[in-house]
Amino acid sequence: MLDLDSLAEKRAKSLNEQLELWHRAVWSPGFQKISSNMSDGEVEVLLSSCKSYAQVEAVVAFLATHAQASSPFATLSGAAKIAGLALGDWISSL
């Protein structure tokens, strides 16, 4: 089972952001909804691609407004590919 608290702590420390903000982002109902349809590895890649907790929130908002024919991660990866960007760069553009 994926330890979201540990992942949030690692991201907060590596990005010099407040841990509470990362906890709030990964435990939000929106993130919980999308991550329940992703593998542990996809969740880890997604979080490592976000350069701030605000980007996690932007990804959740994006997925809430875009129809998903496949998994949330595939939707994000597809949008990044269409834009010709790496996932992290595409997320930064949101």
Protein backbone atom coordinates (compact mmCIF):
# COMPACT_ATOMS: atom_id res chain seq x y z
CA MET A 1 0.00 0.00 0.00
CA LEU A 2 1.24 3.45 -0.93
CA ASP A 3 2.18 5.75 1.97
CA LEU A 4 0.85 9.13 0.89
CA ASP A 5 2.03 10.80 4.09
CA SER A 6 5.61 9.72 3.38
CA LEU A 7 5.40 10.82 -0.27
CA ALA A 8 3.97 14.19 0.77
CA GLU A 9 6.75 14.62 3.31
CA LYS A 10 9.45 13.83 0.76
CA ARG A 11 8.01 16.26 -1.81
CA ALA A 12 7.54 19.03 0.75
CA LYS A 13 11.12 18.67 1.95
CA SER A 14 12.64 18.43 -1.52
CA LEU A 15 10.70 21.48 -2.71
CA ASN A 16 11.04 23.44 0.52
CA GLU A 17 7.27 23.74 0.92
CA GLN A 18 5.05 23.31 3.94
CA LEU A 19 4.24 19.71 4.76
CA GLU A 20 0.68 20.61 5.73
CA LEU A 21 -0.01 21.90 2.21
CA TRP A 22 1.24 18.67 0.63
CA HIS A 23 -0.79 16.58 3.07
CA ARG A 24 -3.88 18.60 2.21
CA ALA A 25 -3.22 18.12 -1.51
CA VAL A 26 -2.74 14.33 -1.40
CA TRP A 27 -5.62 13.72 1.03
CA SER A 28 -8.09 15.98 -0.80
CA PRO A 29 -11.22 14.23 -2.07
CA GLY A 30 -10.24 15.05 -5.66
CA PHE A 31 -6.77 13.53 -5.39
CA GLN A 32 -8.14 10.52 -3.56
CA LYS A 33 -10.63 9.98 -6.39
CA ILE A 34 -8.07 10.11 -9.17
CA SER A 35 -5.39 8.17 -7.32
CA SER A 36 -7.82 5.33 -6.60
CA ASN A 37 -7.80 4.68 -10.36
CA MET A 38 -4.01 4.74 -10.67
CA SER A 39 -1.26 2.28 -9.82
CA ASP A 40 1.13 3.06 -6.99
CA GLY A 41 3.85 3.73 -9.55
CA GLU A 42 1.65 6.15 -11.48
CA VAL A 43 0.86 8.06 -8.27
CA GLU A 44 4.56 8.27 -7.45
CA VAL A 45 5.43 9.52 -10.97
CA LEU A 46 2.60 12.04 -10.85
CA LEU A 47 3.70 13.45 -7.50
CA SER A 48 7.35 13.56 -8.55
CA SER A 49 6.29 15.45 -11.70
CA CYS A 50 4.59 18.16 -9.66
CA LYS A 51 6.96 20.94 -8.67
CA SER A 52 4.60 22.32 -6.01
CA TYR A 53 1.53 21.30 -4.07
CA ALA A 54 -0.38 23.84 -6.20
CA GLN A 55 0.46 21.75 -9.28
CA VAL A 56 -1.14 18.71 -7.61
CA GLU A 57 -4.27 20.81 -7.16
CA ALA A 58 -4.07 21.96 -10.81
CA VAL A 59 -3.87 18.35 -12.01
CA VAL A 60 -6.92 17.44 -9.91
CA ALA A 61 -8.82 20.41 -11.34
CA PHE A 62 -7.79 19.48 -14.89
CA LEU A 63 -8.98 15.90 -14.48
CA ALA A 64 -12.26 17.06 -12.92
CA THR A 65 -13.08 19.01 -16.08
CA HIS A 66 -11.85 16.55 -18.72
CA ALA A 67 -13.57 13.35 -19.69
CA GLN A 68 -11.47 10.30 -19.08
CA ALA A 69 -11.78 7.43 -21.51
CA SER A 70 -8.89 5.72 -19.76
CA SER A 71 -7.05 6.02 -16.46
CA PRO A 72 -6.29 9.47 -15.03
CA PHE A 73 -2.57 8.89 -15.59
CA ALA A 74 -3.17 7.94 -19.23
CA THR A 75 -5.29 11.08 -19.66
CA LEU A 76 -2.48 13.25 -18.27
CA SER A 77 0.20 11.47 -20.27
CA GLY A 78 -1.86 11.80 -23.44
CA ALA A 79 -2.40 15.52 -22.92
CA ALA A 80 1.33 15.99 -22.35
CA LYS A 81 2.15 14.00 -25.48
CA ILE A 82 -0.29 16.03 -27.59
CA ALA A 83 1.36 19.20 -26.30
CA GLY A 84 4.79 17.75 -27.13
CA LEU A 85 5.96 18.05 -23.52
CA ALA A 86 7.28 15.80 -20.80
CA LEU A 87 4.71 15.16 -18.09
CA GLY A 88 6.37 17.46 -15.55
CA ASP A 89 6.72 20.27 -18.07
CA TRP A 90 3.09 19.90 -19.13
CA ILE A 91 1.93 19.97 -15.50
CA SER A 92 3.98 23.15 -15.01
CA SER A 93 2.07 24.70 -17.89
CA LEU A 94 -1.31 24.22 -16.25
